Amino acid sequence: ARAASRAVGRVVLRDARGRTVGYGTGWLCSSRLLLTNHHV
């Protein structure tokens, strides 16, 4: 569980001015690629 959790991250959504406007969750599904929702 601990090993699997390392690949999970908090997706931080920001507007054009750099202000945080929301959050989601995402996870690495390869060494370079992150998967999350389209609505995120």
Full PDB file with SEQRES, HELIX, SHEET, SSBOND, CRYST1, ORIGX, SCALE, CONECT and MASTER records, all heavy atoms in Angstrom:
SEQRES   1 A   40  ALA ARG ALA ALA SER ARG ALA VAL GLY ARG VAL VAL LEU          
SEQRES   2 A   40  ARG ASP ALA ARG GLY ARG THR VAL GLY TYR GLY THR GLY          
SEQRES   3 A   40  TRP LEU CYS SER SER ARG LEU LEU LEU THR ASN HIS HIS          
SEQRES   4 A   40  VAL                                                          
HELIX    1 AA1 ARG A    2  SER A    5  1                                   4    
SHEET    1 AA1 3 VAL A   8  ARG A  14  0                                        
SHEET    2 AA1 3 THR A  20  LEU A  28 -1                                        
SHEET    3 AA1 3 LEU A  34  LEU A  35 -1                                        
CRYST1    1.000    1.000    1.000  90.00  90.00  90.00 P 1           1          
ORIGX1      1.000000  0.000000  0.000000        0.00000                         
ORIGX2      0.000000  1.000000  0.000000        0.00000                         
ORIGX3      0.000000  0.000000  1.000000        0.00000                         
SCALE1      1.000000  0.000000  0.000000        0.00000                         
SCALE2      0.000000  1.000000  0.000000        0.00000                         
SCALE3      0.000000  0.000000  1.000000        0.00000                         
ATOM      1  N   ALA A   1       0.832  -1.205   0.000  1.00  0.00           N  
ATOM      2  CA  ALA A   1       0.000   0.000   0.000  1.00  0.00           C  
ATOM      3  C   ALA A   1       0.862   1.250   0.000  1.00  0.00           C  
ATOM      4  O   ALA A   1       0.607   2.210  -0.741  1.00  0.00           O  
ATOM      5  CB  ALA A   1      -0.932  -0.007   1.209  1.00  0.00           C  
ATOM      6  N   ARG A   2       1.887   1.255   0.820  1.00  0.00           N  
ATOM      7  CA  ARG A   2       2.764   2.423   0.904  1.00  0.00           C  
ATOM      8  C   ARG A   2       3.491   2.650  -0.408  1.00  0.00           C  
ATOM      9  O   ARG A   2       3.601   3.784  -0.880  1.00  0.00           O  
ATOM     10  CB  ARG A   2       3.766   2.207   2.048  1.00  0.00           C  
ATOM     11  CG  ARG A   2       4.658   3.406   2.312  1.00  0.00           C  
ATOM     12  CD  ARG A   2       3.829   4.609   2.708  1.00  0.00           C  
ATOM     13  NE  ARG A   2       4.641   5.770   2.979  1.00  0.00           N  
ATOM     14  CZ  ARG A   2       4.205   7.019   2.925  1.00  0.00           C  
ATOM     15  NH1 ARG A   2       2.938   7.251   2.618  1.00  0.00           N  
ATOM     16  NH2 ARG A   2       4.986   8.033   3.189  1.00  0.00           N  
ATOM     17  N   ALA A   3       3.979   1.557  -1.012  1.00  0.00           N  
ATOM     18  CA  ALA A   3       4.688   1.689  -2.284  1.00  0.00           C  
ATOM     19  C   ALA A   3       3.760   2.217  -3.373  1.00  0.00           C  
ATOM     20  O   ALA A   3       4.133   3.085  -4.163  1.00  0.00           O  
ATOM     21  CB  ALA A   3       5.284   0.344  -2.686  1.00  0.00           C  
ATOM     22  N   ALA A   4       2.519   1.696  -3.414  1.00  0.00           N  
ATOM     23  CA  ALA A   4       1.573   2.147  -4.437  1.00  0.00           C  
ATOM     24  C   ALA A   4       1.198   3.605  -4.245  1.00  0.00           C  
ATOM     25  O   ALA A   4       1.020   4.353  -5.214  1.00  0.00           O  
ATOM     26  CB  ALA A   4       0.320   1.271  -4.399  1.00  0.00           C  
ATOM     27  N   SER A   5       1.101   4.045  -2.987  1.00  0.00           N  
ATOM     28  CA  SER A   5       0.645   5.414  -2.718  1.00  0.00           C  
ATOM     29  C   SER A   5       1.645   6.469  -3.178  1.00  0.00           C  
ATOM     30  O   SER A   5       1.273   7.622  -3.401  1.00  0.00           O  
ATOM     31  CB  SER A   5       0.361   5.591  -1.229  1.00  0.00           C  
ATOM     32  OG  SER A   5       1.560   5.618  -0.473  1.00  0.00           O  
ATOM     33  N   ARG A   6       2.918   6.090  -3.316  1.00  0.00           N  
ATOM     34  CA  ARG A   6       3.920   7.095  -3.713  1.00  0.00           C  
ATOM     35  C   ARG A   6       3.646   7.667  -5.096  1.00  0.00           C  
ATOM     36  O   ARG A   6       3.997   8.814  -5.384  1.00  0.00           O  
ATOM     37  CB  ARG A   6       5.323   6.472  -3.686  1.00  0.00           C  
ATOM     38  CG  ARG A   6       5.834   6.148  -2.300  1.00  0.00           C  
ATOM     39  CD  ARG A   6       7.333   5.871  -2.328  1.00  0.00           C  
ATOM     40  NE  ARG A   6       7.729   5.292  -1.054  1.00  0.00           N  
ATOM     41  CZ  ARG A   6       7.987   4.001  -0.859  1.00  0.00           C  
ATOM     42  NH1 ARG A   6       7.925   3.165  -1.870  1.00  0.00           N  
ATOM     43  NH2 ARG A   6       8.324   3.556   0.328  1.00  0.00           N  
ATOM     44  N   ALA A   7       3.046   6.867  -5.958  1.00  0.00           N  
ATOM     45  CA  ALA A   7       2.805   7.316  -7.330  1.00  0.00           C  
ATOM     46  C   ALA A   7       1.583   8.212  -7.445  1.00  0.00           C  
ATOM     47  O   ALA A   7       1.289   8.723  -8.525  1.00  0.00           O  
ATOM     48  CB  ALA A   7       2.651   6.106  -8.249  1.00  0.00           C  
ATOM     49  N   VAL A   8       0.844   8.406  -6.345  1.00  0.00           N  
ATOM     50  CA  VAL A   8      -0.382   9.212  -6.352  1.00  0.00           C  
ATOM     51  C   VAL A   8      -0.046  10.630  -5.905  1.00  0.00           C  
ATOM     52  O   VAL A   8       0.639  10.832  -4.895  1.00  0.00           O  
ATOM     53  CB  VAL A   8      -1.442   8.591  -5.426  1.00  0.00           C  
ATOM     54  CG1 VAL A   8      -2.719   9.430  -5.451  1.00  0.00           C  
ATOM     55  CG2 VAL A   8      -1.731   7.154  -5.836  1.00  0.00           C  
ATOM     56  N   GLY A   9      -0.512  11.614  -6.646  1.00  0.00           N  
ATOM     57  CA  GLY A   9      -0.211  13.003  -6.324  1.00  0.00           C  
ATOM     58  C   GLY A   9      -1.443  13.884  -6.339  1.00  0.00           C  
ATOM     59  O   GLY A   9      -2.511  13.500  -6.832  1.00  0.00           O  
ATOM     60  N   ARG A  10      -1.282  15.062  -5.772  1.00  0.00           N  
ATOM     61  CA  ARG A  10      -2.352  16.067  -5.768  1.00  0.00           C  
ATOM     62  C   ARG A  10      -2.197  16.952  -6.993  1.00  0.00           C  
ATOM     63  O   ARG A  10      -1.165  17.606  -7.183  1.00  0.00           O  
ATOM     64  CB  ARG A  10      -2.288  16.913  -4.490  1.00  0.00           C  
ATOM     65  CG  ARG A  10      -3.392  17.969  -4.432  1.00  0.00           C  
ATOM     66  CD  ARG A  10      -3.414  18.704  -3.101  1.00  0.00           C  
ATOM     67  NE  ARG A  10      -2.360  19.685  -2.960  1.00  0.00           N  
ATOM     68  CZ  ARG A  10      -2.416  20.738  -2.150  1.00  0.00           C  
ATOM     69  NH1 ARG A  10      -3.484  20.928  -1.399  1.00  0.00           N  
ATOM     70  NH2 ARG A  10      -1.416  21.576  -2.060  1.00  0.00           N  
ATOM     71  N   VAL A  11      -3.225  16.988  -7.838  1.00  0.00           N  
ATOM     72  CA  VAL A  11      -3.223  17.857  -9.014  1.00  0.00           C  
ATOM     73  C   VAL A  11      -3.719  19.236  -8.578  1.00  0.00           C  
ATOM     74  O   VAL A  11      -4.820  19.356  -8.020  1.00  0.00           O  
ATOM     75  CB  VAL A  11      -4.116  17.287 -10.126  1.00  0.00           C  
ATOM     76  CG1 VAL A  11      -4.138  18.233 -11.327  1.00  0.00           C  
ATOM     77  CG2 VAL A  11      -3.616  15.910 -10.556  1.00  0.00           C  
ATOM     78  N   VAL A  12      -2.897  20.253  -8.802  1.00  0.00           N  
ATOM     79  CA  VAL A  12      -3.228  21.622  -8.403  1.00  0.00           C  
ATOM     80  C   VAL A  12      -3.602  22.406  -9.651  1.00  0.00           C  
ATOM     81  O   VAL A  12      -2.792  22.531 -10.585  1.00  0.00           O  
ATOM     82  CB  VAL A  12      -2.043  22.299  -7.690  1.00  0.00           C  
ATOM     83  CG1 VAL A  12      -2.436  23.694  -7.220  1.00  0.00           C  
ATOM     84  CG2 VAL A  12      -1.574  21.454  -6.517  1.00  0.00           C  
ATOM     85  N   LEU A  13      -4.814  22.908  -9.696  1.00  0.00           N  
ATOM     86  CA  LEU A  13      -5.312  23.663 -10.848  1.00  0.00           C  
ATOM     87  C   LEU A  13      -5.151  25.154 -10.583  1.00  0.00           C  
ATOM     88  O   LEU A  13      -5.540  25.639  -9.522  1.00  0.00           O  
ATOM     89  CB  LEU A  13      -6.780  23.327 -11.105  1.00  0.00           C  
ATOM     90  CG  LEU A  13      -7.104  21.833 -11.240  1.00  0.00           C  
ATOM     91  CD1 LEU A  13      -8.600  21.632 -11.380  1.00  0.00           C  
ATOM     92  CD2 LEU A  13      -6.371  21.237 -12.424  1.00  0.00           C  
ATOM     93  N   ARG A  14      -4.564  25.853 -11.537  1.00  0.00           N  
ATOM     94  CA  ARG A  14      -4.334  27.287 -11.382  1.00  0.00           C  
ATOM     95  C   ARG A  14      -4.842  28.032 -12.606  1.00  0.00           C  
ATOM     96  O   ARG A  14      -4.869  27.493 -13.717  1.00  0.00           O  
ATOM     97  CB  ARG A  14      -2.843  27.574 -11.169  1.00  0.00           C  
ATOM     98  CG  ARG A  14      -2.271  26.922  -9.898  1.00  0.00           C  
ATOM     99  CD  ARG A  14      -0.854  27.388  -9.620  1.00  0.00           C  
ATOM    100  NE  ARG A  14      -0.359  26.879  -8.350  1.00  0.00           N  
ATOM    101  CZ  ARG A  14       0.506  25.877  -8.210  1.00  0.00           C  
ATOM    102  NH1 ARG A  14       0.982  25.290  -9.291  1.00  0.00           N  
ATOM    103  NH2 ARG A  14       0.892  25.472  -7.021  1.00  0.00           N  
ATOM    104  N   ASP A  15      -5.228  29.292 -12.378  1.00  0.00           N  
ATOM    105  CA  ASP A  15      -5.666  30.104 -13.505  1.00  0.00           C  
ATOM    106  C   ASP A  15      -4.461  30.763 -14.164  1.00  0.00           C  
ATOM    107  O   ASP A  15      -3.297  30.522 -13.783  1.00  0.00           O  
ATOM    108  CB  ASP A  15      -6.717  31.134 -13.063  1.00  0.00           C  
ATOM    109  CG  ASP A  15      -6.185  32.117 -12.025  1.00  0.00           C  
ATOM    110  OD1 ASP A  15      -4.943  32.231 -11.873  1.00  0.00           O  
ATOM    111  OD2 ASP A  15      -7.012  32.780 -11.371  1.00  0.00           O  
ATOM    112  N   ALA A  16      -4.713  31.620 -15.142  1.00  0.00           N  
ATOM    113  CA  ALA A  16      -3.624  32.237 -15.892  1.00  0.00           C  
ATOM    114  C   ALA A  16      -2.752  33.133 -15.035  1.00  0.00           C  
ATOM    115  O   ALA A  16      -1.588  33.380 -15.369  1.00  0.00           O  
ATOM    116  CB  ALA A  16      -4.202  33.037 -17.068  1.00  0.00           C  
ATOM    117  N   ARG A  17      -3.283  33.603 -13.900  1.00  0.00           N  
ATOM    118  CA  ARG A  17      -2.510  34.461 -12.998  1.00  0.00           C  
ATOM    119  C   ARG A  17      -1.784  33.665 -11.923  1.00  0.00           C  
ATOM    120  O   ARG A  17      -1.167  34.234 -11.037  1.00  0.00           O  
ATOM    121  CB  ARG A  17      -3.444  35.481 -12.351  1.00  0.00           C  
ATOM    122  CG  ARG A  17      -4.099  36.428 -13.363  1.00  0.00           C  
ATOM    123  CD  ARG A  17      -5.173  37.277 -12.720  1.00  0.00           C  
ATOM    124  NE  ARG A  17      -4.666  38.083 -11.629  1.00  0.00           N  
ATOM    125  CZ  ARG A  17      -5.423  38.853 -10.841  1.00  0.00           C  
ATOM    126  NH1 ARG A  17      -6.741  38.887 -11.060  1.00  0.00           N  
ATOM    127  NH2 ARG A  17      -4.891  39.558  -9.864  1.00  0.00           N  
ATOM    128  N   GLY A  18      -1.887  32.336 -11.987  1.00  0.00           N  
ATOM    129  CA  GLY A  18      -1.192  31.499 -11.027  1.00  0.00           C  
ATOM    130  C   GLY A  18      -1.952  31.250  -9.742  1.00  0.00           C  
ATOM    131  O   GLY A  18      -1.416  30.637  -8.819  1.00  0.00           O  
ATOM    132  N   ARG A  19      -3.208  31.685  -9.653  1.00  0.00           N  
ATOM    133  CA  ARG A  19      -3.997  31.470  -8.442  1.00  0.00           C  
ATOM    134  C   ARG A  19      -4.614  30.080  -8.470  1.00  0.00           C  
ATOM    135  O   ARG A  19      -5.111  29.628  -9.501  1.00  0.00           O  
ATOM    136  CB  ARG A  19      -5.105  32.518  -8.320  1.00  0.00           C  
ATOM    137  CG  ARG A  19      -4.597  33.948  -8.191  1.00  0.00           C  
ATOM    138  CD  ARG A  19      -5.734  34.929  -7.996  1.00  0.00           C  
ATOM    139  NE  ARG A  19      -6.689  34.875  -9.106  1.00  0.00           N  
ATOM    140  CZ  ARG A  19      -7.755  35.658  -9.208  1.00  0.00           C  
ATOM    141  NH1 ARG A  19      -8.014  36.540  -8.260  1.00  0.00           N  
ATOM    142  NH2 ARG A  19      -8.559  35.549 -10.241  1.00  0.00           N  
ATOM    143  N   THR A  20      -4.600  29.390  -7.344  1.00  0.00           N  
ATOM    144  CA  THR A  20      -5.174  28.058  -7.252  1.00  0.00           C  
ATOM    145  C   THR A  20      -6.695  28.145  -7.342  1.00  0.00           C  
ATOM    146  O   THR A  20      -7.327  28.903  -6.611  1.00  0.00           O  
ATOM    147  CB  THR A  20      -4.763  27.379  -5.939  1.00  0.00           C  
ATOM    148  OG1 THR A  20      -3.337  27.244  -5.917  1.00  0.00           O  
ATOM    149  CG2 THR A  20      -5.395  25.996  -5.810  1.00  0.00           C  
ATOM    150  N   VAL A  21      -7.271  27.356  -8.241  1.00  0.00           N  
ATOM    151  CA  VAL A  21      -8.720  27.387  -8.436  1.00  0.00           C  
ATOM    152  C   VAL A  21      -9.363  26.029  -8.156  1.00  0.00           C  
ATOM    153  O   VAL A  21     -10.593  25.907  -8.221  1.00  0.00           O  
ATOM    154  CB  VAL A  21      -9.068  27.842  -9.873  1.00  0.00           C  
ATOM    155  CG1 VAL A  21      -8.646  29.284 -10.084  1.00  0.00           C  
ATOM    156  CG2 VAL A  21      -8.423  26.935 -10.914  1.00  0.00           C  
ATOM    157  N   GLY A  22      -8.585  25.020  -7.869  1.00  0.00           N  
ATOM    158  CA  GLY A  22      -9.163  23.716  -7.580  1.00  0.00           C  
ATOM    159  C   GLY A  22      -8.102  22.646  -7.442  1.00  0.00           C  
ATOM    160  O   GLY A  22      -6.910  22.888  -7.669  1.00  0.00           O  
ATOM    161  N   TYR A  23      -8.563  21.450  -7.060  1.00  0.00           N  
ATOM    162  CA  TYR A  23      -7.652  20.316  -6.874  1.00  0.00           C  
ATOM    163  C   TYR A  23      -8.283  19.053  -7.437  1.00  0.00           C  
ATOM    164  O   TYR A  23      -9.499  18.942  -7.577  1.00  0.00           O  
ATOM    165  CB  TYR A  23      -7.360  20.075  -5.385  1.00  0.00           C  
ATOM    166  CG  TYR A  23      -6.697  21.220  -4.667  1.00  0.00           C  
ATOM    167  CD1 TYR A  23      -7.449  22.108  -3.902  1.00  0.00           C  
ATOM    168  CD2 TYR A  23      -5.330  21.410  -4.741  1.00  0.00           C  
ATOM    169  CE1 TYR A  23      -6.849  23.153  -3.222  1.00  0.00           C  
ATOM    170  CE2 TYR A  23      -4.718  22.454  -4.067  1.00  0.00           C  
ATOM    171  CZ  TYR A  23      -5.475  23.327  -3.313  1.00  0.00           C  
ATOM    172  OH  TYR A  23      -4.879  24.355  -2.646  1.00  0.00           O  
ATOM    173  N   GLY A  24      -7.445  18.107  -7.731  1.00  0.00           N  
ATOM    174  CA  GLY A  24      -7.872  16.773  -8.095  1.00  0.00           C  
ATOM    175  C   GLY A  24      -6.807  15.800  -7.647  1.00  0.00           C  
ATOM    176  O   GLY A  24      -5.843  16.168  -6.967  1.00  0.00           O  
ATOM    177  N   THR A  25      -6.961  14.554  -8.028  1.00  0.00           N  
ATOM    178  CA  THR A  25      -5.962  13.524  -7.763  1.00  0.00           C  
ATOM    179  C   THR A  25      -5.499  12.962  -9.095  1.00  0.00           C  
ATOM    180  O   THR A  25      -6.279  12.898 -10.057  1.00  0.00           O  
ATOM    181  CB  THR A  25      -6.550  12.403  -6.890  1.00  0.00           C  
ATOM    182  OG1 THR A  25      -7.007  12.957  -5.656  1.00  0.00           O  
ATOM    183  CG2 THR A  25      -5.522  11.323  -6.595  1.00  0.00           C  
ATOM    184  N   GLY A  26      -4.232  12.600  -9.189  1.00  0.00           N  
ATOM    185  CA  GLY A  26      -3.694  11.959 -10.380  1.00  0.00           C  
ATOM    186  C   GLY A  26      -2.622  10.970  -9.985  1.00  0.00           C  
ATOM    187  O   GLY A  26      -2.152  10.974  -8.843  1.00  0.00           O  
ATOM    188  N   TRP A  27      -2.194  10.129 -10.912  1.00  0.00           N  
ATOM    189  CA  TRP A  27      -1.195   9.121 -10.576  1.00  0.00           C  
ATOM    190  C   TRP A  27      -0.358   8.771 -11.793  1.00  0.00           C  
ATOM    191  O   TRP A  27      -0.825   8.797 -12.932  1.00  0.00           O  
ATOM    192  CB  TRP A  27      -1.844   7.870  -9.976  1.00  0.00           C  
ATOM    193  CG  TRP A  27      -3.115   7.429 -10.624  1.00  0.00           C  
ATOM    194  CD1 TRP A  27      -4.347   8.004 -10.473  1.00  0.00           C  
ATOM    195  CD2 TRP A  27      -3.300   6.325 -11.514  1.00  0.00           C  
ATOM    196  NE1 TRP A  27      -5.288   7.328 -11.200  1.00  0.00           N  
ATOM    197  CE2 TRP A  27      -4.679   6.289 -11.850  1.00  0.00           C  
ATOM    198  CE3 TRP A  27      -2.469   5.370 -12.045  1.00  0.00           C  
ATOM    199  CZ2 TRP A  27      -5.226   5.339 -12.706  1.00  0.00           C  
ATOM    200  CZ3 TRP A  27      -2.999   4.402 -12.888  1.00  0.00           C  
ATOM    201  CH2 TRP A  27      -4.354   4.400 -13.214  1.00  0.00           C  
ATOM    202  N   LEU A  28       0.880   8.472 -11.511  1.00  0.00           N  
ATOM    203  CA  LEU A  28       1.806   8.090 -12.570  1.00  0.00           C  
ATOM    204  C   LEU A  28       1.467   6.689 -13.057  1.00  0.00           C  
ATOM    205  O   LEU A  28       1.404   5.740 -12.275  1.00  0.00           O  
ATOM    206  CB  LEU A  28       3.241   8.130 -12.055  1.00  0.00           C  
ATOM    207  CG  LEU A  28       3.806   9.518 -11.729  1.00  0.00           C  
ATOM    208  CD1 LEU A  28       5.102   9.396 -10.948  1.00  0.00           C  
ATOM    209  CD2 LEU A  28       4.024  10.316 -13.011  1.00  0.00           C  
ATOM    210  N   CYS A  29       1.241   6.554 -14.374  1.00  0.00           N  
ATOM    211  CA  CYS A  29       0.981   5.233 -14.960  1.00  0.00           C  
ATOM    212  C   CYS A  29       2.146   4.789 -15.840  1.00  0.00           C  
ATOM    213  O   CYS A  29       2.092   3.726 -16.465  1.00  0.00           O  
ATOM    214  CB  CYS A  29      -0.331   5.230 -15.732  1.00  0.00           C  
ATOM    215  SG  CYS A  29      -0.466   6.517 -16.979  1.00  0.00           S  
ATOM    216  N   SER A  30       3.178   5.615 -15.909  1.00  0.00           N  
ATOM    217  CA  SER A  30       4.465   5.258 -16.507  1.00  0.00           C  
ATOM    218  C   SER A  30       5.478   6.233 -15.927  1.00  0.00           C  
ATOM    219  O   SER A  30       5.135   7.078 -15.104  1.00  0.00           O  
ATOM    220  CB  SER A  30       4.416   5.348 -18.038  1.00  0.00           C  
ATOM    221  OG  SER A  30       4.517   6.699 -18.467  1.00  0.00           O  
ATOM    222  N   SER A  31       6.715   6.131 -16.351  1.00  0.00           N  
ATOM    223  CA  SER A  31       7.743   7.002 -15.773  1.00  0.00           C  
ATOM    224  C   SER A  31       7.587   8.455 -16.186  1.00  0.00           C  
ATOM    225  O   SER A  31       8.186   9.334 -15.570  1.00  0.00           O  
ATOM    226  CB  SER A  31       9.135   6.504 -16.180  1.00  0.00           C  
ATOM    227  OG  SER A  31       9.295   6.584 -17.584  1.00  0.00           O  
ATOM    228  N   ARG A  32       6.770   8.737 -17.216  1.00  0.00           N  
ATOM    229  CA  ARG A  32       6.620  10.118 -17.678  1.00  0.00           C  
ATOM    230  C   ARG A  32       5.180  10.599 -17.734  1.00  0.00           C  
ATOM    231  O   ARG A  32       4.945  11.778 -17.987  1.00  0.00           O  
ATOM    232  CB  ARG A  32       7.215  10.253 -19.097  1.00  0.00           C  
ATOM    233  CG  ARG A  32       8.726  10.240 -19.190  1.00  0.00           C  
ATOM    234  CD  ARG A  32       9.342  11.549 -18.692  1.00  0.00           C  
ATOM    235  NE  ARG A  32       8.707  12.746 -19.193  1.00  0.00           N  
ATOM    236  CZ  ARG A  32       8.931  13.283 -20.398  1.00  0.00           C  
ATOM    237  NH1 ARG A  32       9.779  12.710 -21.234  1.00  0.00           N  
ATOM    238  NH2 ARG A  32       8.323  14.391 -20.761  1.00  0.00           N  
ATOM    239  N   LEU A  33       4.203   9.713 -17.544  1.00  0.00           N  
ATOM    240  CA  LEU A  33       2.818  10.078 -17.820  1.00  0.00           C  
ATOM    241  C   LEU A  33       1.949  10.001 -16.567  1.00  0.00           C  
ATOM    242  O   LEU A  33       2.073   9.081 -15.753  1.00  0.00           O  
ATOM    243  CB  LEU A  33       2.232   9.164 -18.896  1.00  0.00           C  
ATOM    244  CG  LEU A  33       2.960   9.170 -20.246  1.00  0.00           C  
ATOM    245  CD1 LEU A  33       2.296   8.206 -21.217  1.00  0.00           C  
ATOM    246  CD2 LEU A  33       3.009  10.575 -20.835  1.00  0.00           C  
ATOM    247  N   LEU A  34       1.057  10.990 -16.450  1.00  0.00           N  
ATOM    248  CA  LEU A  34       0.126  11.095 -15.327  1.00  0.00           C  
ATOM    249  C   LEU A  34      -1.291  10.923 -15.847  1.00  0.00           C  
ATOM    250  O   LEU A  34      -1.664  11.487 -16.877  1.00  0.00           O  
ATOM    251  CB  LEU A  34       0.261  12.468 -14.662  1.00  0.00           C  
ATOM    252  CG  LEU A  34      -0.628  12.702 -13.440  1.00  0.00           C  
ATOM    253  CD1 LEU A  34       0.133  12.315 -12.174  1.00  0.00           C  
ATOM    254  CD2 LEU A  34      -1.073  14.163 -13.355  1.00  0.00           C  
ATOM    255  N   LEU A  35      -2.101  10.160 -15.104  1.00  0.00           N  
ATOM    256  CA  LEU A  35      -3.489   9.935 -15.468  1.00  0.00           C  
ATOM    257  C   LEU A  35      -4.408  10.585 -14.443  1.00  0.00           C  
ATOM    258  O   LEU A  35      -4.204  10.456 -13.233  1.00  0.00           O  
ATOM    259  CB  LEU A  35      -3.774   8.433 -15.525  1.00  0.00           C  
ATOM    260  CG  LEU A  35      -5.126   8.006 -16.106  1.00  0.00           C  
ATOM    261  CD1 LEU A  35      -5.224   8.368 -17.583  1.00  0.00           C  
ATOM    262  CD2 LEU A  35      -5.319   6.497 -15.923  1.00  0.00           C  
ATOM    263  N   THR A  36      -5.409  11.295 -14.923  1.00  0.00           N  
ATOM    264  CA  THR A  36      -6.448  11.875 -14.063  1.00  0.00           C  
ATOM    265  C   THR A  36      -7.727  11.940 -14.879  1.00  0.00           C  
ATOM    266  O   THR A  36      -7.829  11.334 -15.954  1.00  0.00           O  
ATOM    267  CB  THR A  36      -6.021  13.258 -13.530  1.00  0.00           C  
ATOM    268  OG1 THR A  36      -6.991  13.721 -12.570  1.00  0.00           O  
ATOM    269  CG2 THR A  36      -5.894  14.289 -14.643  1.00  0.00           C  
ATOM    270  N   ASN A  37      -8.731  12.660 -14.397  1.00  0.00           N  
ATOM    271  CA  ASN A  37      -9.999  12.768 -15.119  1.00  0.00           C  
ATOM    272  C   ASN A  37      -9.980  13.887 -16.148  1.00  0.00           C  
ATOM    273  O   ASN A  37      -9.313  14.902 -15.974  1.00  0.00           O  
ATOM    274  CB  ASN A  37     -11.151  13.027 -14.143  1.00  0.00           C  
ATOM    275  CG  ASN A  37     -11.481  11.852 -13.262  1.00  0.00           C  
ATOM    276  OD1 ASN A  37     -11.763  12.022 -12.085  1.00  0.00           O  
ATOM    277  ND2 ASN A  37     -11.461  10.642 -13.806  1.00  0.00           N  
ATOM    278  N   HIS A  38     -10.792  13.687 -17.180  1.00  0.00           N  
ATOM    279  CA  HIS A  38     -11.017  14.766 -18.158  1.00  0.00           C  
ATOM    280  C   HIS A  38     -11.646  15.969 -17.477  1.00  0.00           C  
ATOM    281  O   HIS A  38     -11.312  17.116 -17.811  1.00  0.00           O  
ATOM    282  CB  HIS A  38     -11.922  14.245 -19.278  1.00  0.00           C  
ATOM    283  CG  HIS A  38     -12.459  15.315 -20.183  1.00  0.00           C  
ATOM    284  ND1 HIS A  38     -11.720  15.886 -21.191  1.00  0.00           N  
ATOM    285  CD2 HIS A  38     -13.672  15.939 -20.211  1.00  0.00           C  
ATOM    286  CE1 HIS A  38     -12.457  16.805 -21.815  1.00  0.00           C  
ATOM    287  NE2 HIS A  38     -13.631  16.859 -21.240  1.00  0.00           N  
ATOM    288  N   HIS A  39     -12.545  15.739 -16.509  1.00  0.00           N  
ATOM    289  CA  HIS A  39     -13.188  16.896 -15.875  1.00  0.00           C  
ATOM    290  C   HIS A  39     -12.254  17.596 -14.891  1.00  0.00           C  
ATOM    291  O   HIS A  39     -12.590  18.663 -14.378  1.00  0.00           O  
ATOM    292  CB  HIS A  39     -14.519  16.504 -15.219  1.00  0.00           C  
ATOM    293  CG  HIS A  39     -14.425  15.762 -13.936  1.00  0.00           C  
ATOM    294  ND1 HIS A  39     -14.632  14.401 -13.832  1.00  0.00           N  
ATOM    295  CD2 HIS A  39     -14.159  16.171 -12.668  1.00  0.00           C  
ATOM    296  CE1 HIS A  39     -14.509  14.025 -12.587  1.00  0.00           C  
ATOM    297  NE2 HIS A  39     -14.213  15.076 -11.849  1.00  0.00           N  
ATOM    298  N   VAL A  40     -11.074  17.016 -14.633  1.00  0.00           N  
ATOM    299  CA  VAL A  40     -10.050  17.714 -13.861  1.00  0.00           C  
ATOM    300  C   VAL A  40      -9.159  18.530 -14.803  1.00  0.00           C  
ATOM    301  O   VAL A  40      -8.880  19.708 -14.559  1.00  0.00           O  
ATOM    302  CB  VAL A  40      -9.202  16.711 -13.054  1.00  0.00           C  
ATOM    303  CG1 VAL A  40      -8.023  17.413 -12.370  1.00  0.00           C  
ATOM    304  CG2 VAL A  40     -10.067  16.018 -12.005  1.00  0.00           C  
TER     305      VAL A  40                                                      
MASTER        0    0    0    1    3    0    0    6  304    1    0    4          
END                                                                             
